[in-house]
Amino acid sequence: MSILCRVAGLALSSVVSASALGWGAAGHQSAGAIADVLIAGSHAAGQTRSLLGPWSLRTAALWADCAKGVVRAADGYAYAPARHYPECAVFETPQYEAEMVDFVRRNDSQCRPGAGEEACHRQYHYSDIAWQRGAYLPGAAGSSDHDVVAAVSAAVLVLRGGSAPAPFSIAGPREALLLLAHLVGDMHQPLHVGAVYLDADGAMVDPDRDGDDPATHTRGGNAIRLGHGSLHALWDSVPRRFGPERALDTLLPLARRVAPTPGDNTAWPRVWADETVALSAQAFAGIAFGVREGRGGDAAWSARLPDGYERMREDIDRRQLARAGARLAQLLQTIWP
């Protein structure tokens, strides 16, 4: 489950957006743990160790979310003392906090976020392609040159020996691997790539056909209320049996059967995003949306889920977590054969 934190005395930007926390700690750790096993004994495993030092991919998979603990303070940037996850403790040393601060400083506003938009590095974690597209479409509403597809592609380029394109600032292979270990997981969470857009009455709209009105944005499902939580928070959570302590029993056999993505690995992020947008249609199907309440950033829609929704979600979780772990391993093994 996504965990939000506020840091007393720091700016409002210290609030961690749930839109940036795909699958929460457990899901990302599970995907990383699967990848650790699948690359064991390979050249890719050796290269990974040389870049990450004592950290496994299971541990590194949380770094990009833990870096959201870096906030703007009166005298610059600082890592907030409160943790997003207890698992972030491994990064909370002077050396590693400085590393996260440096990353955020370089990737905070260089994409020129508009009014109400998140810091650039937070936008690296998602796109908001309308589910009606059926696939990821560059230039469509919800896409950008710094969304999750572009961010994974940039990290791959750096690991292949190239440079990240603007607006990304990736310091080198280590930082690229830390990003990749997390963002490949985000790409497989349906609400991190596909989106639903709603009018004031709760009817679905198509921003590419009807016009992209900011009032229709559901913010990755964060503005869709389910009781005391949100639709995004529901998808962030994973069943305990798919968590990192059991993933090698429940998910690894399925991950071993995931076929490699065809073509050059620079094209893989787009292929994976196409698949995830298509899956997002299932995530929104059959939901009864209520009228919009509130205005601006506080606007939200209530929702009622159809029968069988939880079973459907868990089946997608199972397949997508296994794919994320397998594909992270396959990607690293093509970069370092």
Protein backbone atom coordinates (compact mmCIF):
# COMPACT_ATOMS: atom_id res chain seq x y z
CA MET A 1 0.00 0.00 0.00
CA SER A 2 1.24 3.50 -0.75
CA ILE A 3 2.47 5.31 2.36
CA LEU A 4 2.24 9.12 2.44
CA CYS A 5 4.36 11.25 4.70
CA ARG A 6 4.39 14.90 5.74
CA VAL A 7 7.49 16.49 7.14
CA ALA A 8 6.92 19.21 9.72
CA GLY A 9 8.49 22.53 8.87
CA LEU A 10 9.13 21.69 5.20
CA ALA A 11 7.32 22.89 2.13
CA LEU A 12 4.09 21.41 0.83
CA SER A 13 6.14 19.63 -1.82
CA SER A 14 7.16 17.19 0.89
CA VAL A 15 3.83 15.42 0.52
CA VAL A 16 4.46 12.23 -1.40
CA SER A 17 2.03 11.73 -4.26
CA ALA A 18 0.50 8.27 -4.44
CA SER A 19 0.65 8.53 -8.22
CA ALA A 20 4.37 7.93 -7.92
CA LEU A 21 4.20 4.79 -5.79
CA GLY A 22 3.31 1.95 -8.16
CA TRP A 23 2.65 -1.31 -6.28
CA GLY A 24 4.10 0.03 -3.06
CA ALA A 25 7.23 -1.46 -1.54
CA ALA A 26 6.09 -5.08 -1.68
CA GLY A 27 5.40 -5.20 -5.40
CA HIS A 28 8.67 -3.55 -6.39
CA GLN A 29 10.63 -5.80 -4.06
CA SER A 30 8.95 -8.88 -5.53
CA ALA A 31 9.86 -7.90 -9.09
CA GLY A 32 13.43 -7.17 -8.01
CA ALA A 33 13.73 -10.46 -6.13
CA ILE A 34 12.59 -12.37 -9.23
CA ALA A 35 15.14 -10.56 -11.38
CA ASP A 36 17.90 -11.32 -8.86
CA VAL A 37 17.24 -15.04 -9.23
CA LEU A 38 16.90 -14.98 -13.01
CA ILE A 39 20.26 -13.25 -13.60
CA ALA A 40 22.16 -15.20 -10.93
CA GLY A 41 25.55 -16.42 -12.17
CA SER A 42 25.42 -14.35 -15.37
CA HIS A 43 27.60 -11.50 -16.61
CA ALA A 44 24.64 -9.21 -15.96
CA ALA A 45 24.69 -10.24 -12.30
CA GLY A 46 28.37 -9.31 -12.04
CA GLN A 47 27.79 -5.93 -13.65
CA THR A 48 24.83 -5.31 -11.38
CA ARG A 49 26.93 -6.05 -8.29
CA SER A 50 29.70 -3.75 -9.51
CA LEU A 51 27.24 -0.86 -9.78
CA LEU A 52 25.03 -1.51 -6.78
CA GLY A 53 27.62 -2.81 -4.32
CA PRO A 54 25.84 -4.48 -1.41
CA TRP A 55 22.35 -3.88 -2.76
CA SER A 56 20.38 -6.54 -4.60
CA LEU A 57 17.83 -5.59 -7.25
CA ARG A 58 15.20 -6.33 -4.62
CA THR A 59 16.65 -3.52 -2.50
CA ALA A 60 17.48 -1.17 -5.38
CA ALA A 61 13.91 -1.41 -6.71
CA LEU A 62 12.78 1.00 -3.96
CA TRP A 63 15.41 3.70 -4.51
CA ALA A 64 13.45 5.89 -6.93
CA ASP A 65 10.48 6.02 -4.56
CA CYS A 66 12.67 6.59 -1.50
CA ALA A 67 14.26 9.52 -3.36
CA LYS A 68 10.89 11.24 -3.08
CA GLY A 69 11.84 11.87 0.52
CA VAL A 70 14.05 14.65 -0.84
CA VAL A 71 12.19 17.94 -0.52
CA ARG A 72 12.84 21.60 -1.04
CA ALA A 73 13.80 23.23 2.22
CA ALA A 74 14.61 26.85 3.04
CA ASP A 75 18.30 26.33 2.33
CA GLY A 76 18.02 24.06 -0.71
CA TYR A 77 17.23 20.37 -0.87
CA ALA A 78 17.22 17.89 1.99
CA TYR A 79 16.19 14.32 2.64
CA ALA A 80 13.20 14.30 4.98
CA PRO A 81 13.73 12.32 8.20
CA ALA A 82 10.35 10.59 7.99
CA ARG A 83 10.36 7.50 5.78
CA HIS A 84 8.03 6.55 2.95
CA TYR A 85 8.63 2.91 3.77
CA PRO A 86 10.58 1.27 6.60
CA GLU A 87 12.54 -0.39 3.78
CA CYS A 88 14.03 3.01 2.88
CA ALA A 89 16.24 2.75 5.98
CA VAL A 90 19.02 1.16 3.92
CA PHE A 91 19.37 4.41 1.94
CA GLU A 92 19.31 6.68 5.00
CA THR A 93 23.01 7.28 5.49
CA PRO A 94 24.85 10.55 4.78
CA GLN A 95 26.41 9.09 1.62
CA TYR A 96 23.23 7.66 0.15
CA GLU A 97 21.03 10.58 1.18
CA ALA A 98 23.47 12.89 -0.61
CA GLU A 99 23.13 10.69 -3.68
CA MET A 100 19.34 11.02 -3.63
CA VAL A 101 19.54 14.78 -3.04
CA ASP A 102 21.86 15.18 -6.02
CA PHE A 103 19.49 13.19 -8.26
CA VAL A 104 16.45 15.22 -7.24
CA ARG A 105 18.25 18.55 -7.57
CA ARG A 106 19.16 17.71 -11.17
CA ASN A 107 15.72 16.31 -12.03
CA ASP A 108 13.35 18.59 -10.16
CA SER A 109 12.17 21.28 -12.58
CA GLN A 110 14.19 20.99 -15.79
CA CYS A 111 11.12 19.60 -17.64
CA ARG A 112 9.33 22.88 -16.79
CA PRO A 113 6.30 21.42 -14.98
CA GLY A 114 3.12 23.37 -15.41
CA ALA A 115 0.87 24.72 -12.68
CA GLY A 116 -0.28 21.91 -10.43
CA GLU A 117 2.12 19.37 -11.97
CA GLU A 118 4.54 17.28 -9.96
CA ALA A 119 8.31 17.69 -9.96
CA CYS A 120 9.92 16.24 -13.05
CA HIS A 121 11.48 13.18 -11.39
CA ARG A 122 8.08 12.20 -10.00
CA GLN A 123 6.61 12.33 -13.49
CA TYR A 124 9.19 9.76 -14.62
CA HIS A 125 7.07 7.09 -12.91
CA TYR A 126 3.92 7.19 -15.04
CA SER A 127 1.99 8.21 -18.11
CA ASP A 128 -1.77 8.85 -18.31
CA ILE A 129 -2.76 7.45 -21.69
CA ALA A 130 -6.55 7.22 -22.06
CA TRP A 131 -7.56 3.55 -21.97
CA GLN A 132 -9.52 4.10 -25.20
CA ARG A 133 -6.25 4.28 -27.17
CA GLY A 134 -5.64 0.58 -26.53
CA ALA A 135 -1.88 1.20 -26.73
CA TYR A 136 0.74 3.78 -25.82
CA LEU A 137 0.63 6.64 -28.31
CA PRO A 138 3.37 9.29 -28.25
CA GLY A 139 1.80 12.73 -28.40
CA ALA A 140 -1.51 11.55 -27.00
CA ALA A 141 -3.00 13.13 -23.89
CA GLY A 142 -1.12 11.90 -20.85
CA SER A 143 2.18 11.26 -22.67
CA SER A 144 5.30 13.41 -22.50
CA ASP A 145 9.01 13.37 -23.27
CA HIS A 146 9.63 12.60 -19.59
CA ASP A 147 6.95 10.01 -18.80
CA VAL A 148 7.68 6.45 -17.70
CA VAL A 149 8.25 5.17 -21.24
CA ALA A 150 10.75 7.93 -21.97
CA ALA A 151 12.41 7.45 -18.56
CA VAL A 152 12.98 3.71 -19.02
CA SER A 153 14.30 4.34 -22.53
CA ALA A 154 16.70 7.00 -21.20
CA ALA A 155 18.02 4.65 -18.50
CA VAL A 156 18.59 1.90 -21.08
CA LEU A 157 20.55 4.30 -23.28
CA VAL A 158 22.83 5.22 -20.39
CA LEU A 159 23.45 1.57 -19.49
CA ARG A 160 24.30 0.90 -23.13
CA GLY A 161 27.02 3.54 -22.94
CA GLY A 162 25.12 6.53 -24.28
CA SER A 163 23.77 9.73 -22.75
CA ALA A 164 20.28 10.43 -21.51
CA PRO A 165 18.30 12.80 -23.74
CA ALA A 166 16.86 16.02 -22.35
CA PRO A 167 15.10 16.65 -20.07
CA PHE A 168 16.62 13.74 -18.13
CA SER A 169 19.78 14.15 -16.09
CA ILE A 170 21.14 10.68 -15.28
CA ALA A 171 24.55 10.82 -13.64
CA GLY A 172 25.83 7.50 -14.98
CA PRO A 173 25.24 3.74 -15.09
CA ARG A 174 24.67 3.35 -11.35
CA GLU A 175 21.89 5.94 -11.28
CA ALA A 176 20.44 4.51 -14.49
CA LEU A 177 20.28 1.04 -12.95
CA LEU A 178 18.66 2.37 -9.79
CA LEU A 179 15.97 4.02 -11.90
CA LEU A 180 15.51 1.02 -14.15
CA ALA A 181 15.11 -1.41 -11.23
CA HIS A 182 12.07 0.60 -10.13
CA LEU A 183 10.55 1.97 -13.32
CA VAL A 184 10.27 -1.37 -15.10
CA GLY A 185 7.94 -2.31 -12.26
CA ASP A 186 5.93 0.90 -12.66
CA MET A 187 5.48 0.18 -16.36
CA HIS A 188 3.62 -3.02 -15.51
CA GLN A 189 1.11 -1.48 -13.09
CA PRO A 190 -2.00 -0.66 -15.19
CA LEU A 191 -2.79 2.67 -13.51
CA HIS A 192 0.76 3.88 -14.06
CA VAL A 193 0.41 3.83 -17.84
CA GLY A 194 -3.31 3.82 -18.69
CA ALA A 195 -5.89 6.27 -17.34
CA VAL A 196 -9.59 7.00 -17.21
CA TYR A 197 -10.89 10.54 -17.79
CA LEU A 198 -14.30 11.54 -16.38
CA ASP A 199 -16.71 14.44 -16.78
CA ALA A 200 -18.50 16.15 -13.89
CA ASP A 201 -21.24 13.50 -13.94
CA GLY A 202 -18.82 10.59 -13.80
CA ALA A 203 -19.17 9.63 -17.47
CA MET A 204 -16.04 8.48 -19.29
CA VAL A 205 -14.60 10.92 -21.81
CA ASP A 206 -11.86 10.58 -24.40
CA PRO A 207 -9.36 13.47 -24.07
CA ASP A 208 -7.90 12.88 -27.53
CA ARG A 209 -11.32 13.01 -29.16
CA ASP A 210 -13.19 15.43 -26.90
CA GLY A 211 -10.34 17.74 -25.90
CA ASP A 212 -7.99 17.42 -22.94
CA ASP A 213 -9.77 19.32 -20.17
CA PRO A 214 -7.73 19.28 -16.91
CA ALA A 215 -11.02 19.00 -15.01
CA THR A 216 -11.42 15.45 -16.37
CA HIS A 217 -8.08 14.20 -15.03
CA THR A 218 -8.38 11.50 -12.37
CA ARG A 219 -4.65 11.72 -11.49
CA GLY A 220 -3.85 8.10 -12.07
CA GLY A 221 -6.95 7.03 -10.15
CA ASN A 222 -5.93 8.99 -7.04
CA ALA A 223 -9.03 11.18 -7.52
CA ILE A 224 -11.35 8.13 -7.62
CA ARG A 225 -12.50 7.38 -4.09
CA LEU A 226 -13.16 3.91 -2.72
CA GLY A 227 -14.25 4.25 0.89
CA HIS A 228 -11.30 5.74 2.75
CA GLY A 229 -8.81 5.02 -0.04
CA SER A 230 -8.56 5.46 -3.78
CA LEU A 231 -8.57 3.30 -6.88
CA HIS A 232 -4.86 3.97 -7.31
CA ALA A 233 -4.13 2.88 -3.74
CA LEU A 234 -6.03 -0.35 -4.36
CA TRP A 235 -3.84 -1.14 -7.37
CA ASP A 236 -0.70 -0.14 -5.48
CA SER A 237 -1.33 -2.88 -2.95
CA VAL A 238 -0.50 -6.51 -3.75
CA PRO A 239 -1.81 -9.65 -2.06
CA ARG A 240 0.51 -10.96 0.63
CA ARG A 241 1.13 -14.16 -1.30
CA PHE A 242 2.70 -12.07 -4.08
CA GLY A 243 4.90 -10.10 -1.67
CA PRO A 244 8.69 -10.47 -1.62
CA GLU A 245 8.76 -13.14 1.08
CA ARG A 246 6.65 -15.48 -1.06
CA ALA A 247 7.26 -14.24 -4.60
CA LEU A 248 9.83 -16.89 -5.42
CA ASP A 249 7.23 -19.55 -4.68
CA THR A 250 4.16 -17.90 -6.20
CA LEU A 251 5.55 -15.81 -9.06
CA LEU A 252 8.97 -17.13 -10.10
CA PRO A 253 7.61 -20.21 -11.96
CA LEU A 254 5.42 -17.93 -14.06
CA ALA A 255 8.29 -15.46 -14.58
CA ARG A 256 10.48 -18.24 -15.98
CA ARG A 257 7.91 -18.74 -18.75
CA VAL A 258 7.81 -15.08 -19.85
CA ALA A 259 9.07 -14.92 -23.43
CA PRO A 260 11.71 -12.28 -24.23
CA THR A 261 10.36 -9.16 -25.93
CA PRO A 262 11.29 -9.21 -29.64
CA GLY A 263 13.43 -6.56 -31.30
CA ASP A 264 16.11 -4.23 -30.01
CA ASN A 265 15.89 -3.50 -26.29
CA THR A 266 15.56 0.24 -26.91
CA ALA A 267 12.08 -0.52 -28.32
CA TRP A 268 10.97 -2.71 -25.42
CA PRO A 269 9.54 0.07 -23.19
CA ARG A 270 7.05 1.03 -25.88
CA VAL A 271 6.00 -2.63 -26.34
CA TRP A 272 5.46 -3.06 -22.61
CA ALA A 273 3.50 0.19 -22.38
CA ASP A 274 1.23 -0.93 -25.24
CA GLU A 275 0.42 -4.06 -23.26
CA THR A 276 -0.20 -2.17 -20.03
CA VAL A 277 -2.53 0.39 -21.62
CA ALA A 278 -4.58 -2.49 -23.02
CA LEU A 279 -4.76 -4.04 -19.55
CA SER A 280 -5.88 -0.74 -18.03
CA ALA A 281 -9.17 -1.07 -19.88
CA GLN A 282 -9.95 -4.01 -17.58
CA ALA A 283 -9.05 -1.93 -14.54
CA PHE A 284 -11.77 0.62 -15.39
CA ALA A 285 -14.41 -1.68 -16.89
CA GLY A 286 -17.70 -2.00 -15.03
CA ILE A 287 -16.95 0.64 -12.39
CA ALA A 288 -19.89 2.90 -11.49
CA PHE A 289 -18.47 6.41 -11.11
CA GLY A 290 -20.28 9.08 -9.11
CA VAL A 291 -20.41 12.82 -9.74
CA ARG A 292 -17.33 14.95 -9.25
CA GLU A 293 -17.11 16.75 -5.93
CA GLY A 294 -14.73 19.57 -5.08
CA ARG A 295 -12.62 21.73 -7.36
CA GLY A 296 -9.11 21.81 -8.77
CA GLY A 297 -6.67 19.50 -7.06
CA ASP A 298 -9.30 18.52 -4.49
CA ALA A 299 -11.80 17.27 -7.07
CA ALA A 300 -12.68 13.60 -6.77
CA TRP A 301 -15.23 11.05 -7.93
CA SER A 302 -16.75 8.29 -5.80
CA ALA A 303 -16.85 4.81 -7.32
CA ARG A 304 -18.44 1.40 -6.83
CA LEU A 305 -16.59 -1.66 -8.07
CA PRO A 306 -18.37 -4.48 -9.93
CA ASP A 307 -18.64 -8.03 -8.64
CA GLY A 308 -15.50 -10.06 -9.24
CA TYR A 309 -13.27 -6.99 -9.43
CA GLU A 310 -10.83 -8.17 -6.76
CA ARG A 311 -10.32 -11.53 -8.47
CA MET A 312 -9.62 -9.77 -11.76
CA ARG A 313 -7.17 -7.38 -10.11
CA GLU A 314 -5.26 -10.15 -8.39
CA ASP A 315 -4.97 -12.11 -11.62
CA ILE A 316 -3.48 -9.04 -13.35
CA ASP A 317 -1.15 -8.48 -10.38
CA ARG A 318 0.12 -12.05 -10.65
CA ARG A 319 0.86 -11.81 -14.37
CA GLN A 320 2.28 -8.30 -14.30
CA LEU A 321 4.56 -8.78 -11.31
CA ALA A 322 5.98 -11.92 -12.92
CA ARG A 323 6.47 -10.07 -16.20
CA ALA A 324 8.13 -7.11 -14.49
CA GLY A 325 10.69 -9.32 -12.76
CA ALA A 326 11.34 -11.42 -15.86
CA ARG A 327 11.66 -8.42 -18.15
CA LEU A 328 14.00 -6.56 -15.84
CA ALA A 329 16.25 -9.63 -15.88
CA GLN A 330 15.97 -10.05 -19.65
CA LEU A 331 16.74 -6.38 -20.22
CA LEU A 332 19.88 -6.51 -18.09
CA GLN A 333 21.05 -9.66 -19.81
CA THR A 334 20.73 -8.03 -23.24
CA ILE A 335 22.65 -4.97 -22.02
CA TRP A 336 25.36 -7.17 -20.48
CA PRO A 337 25.22 -10.48 -22.41
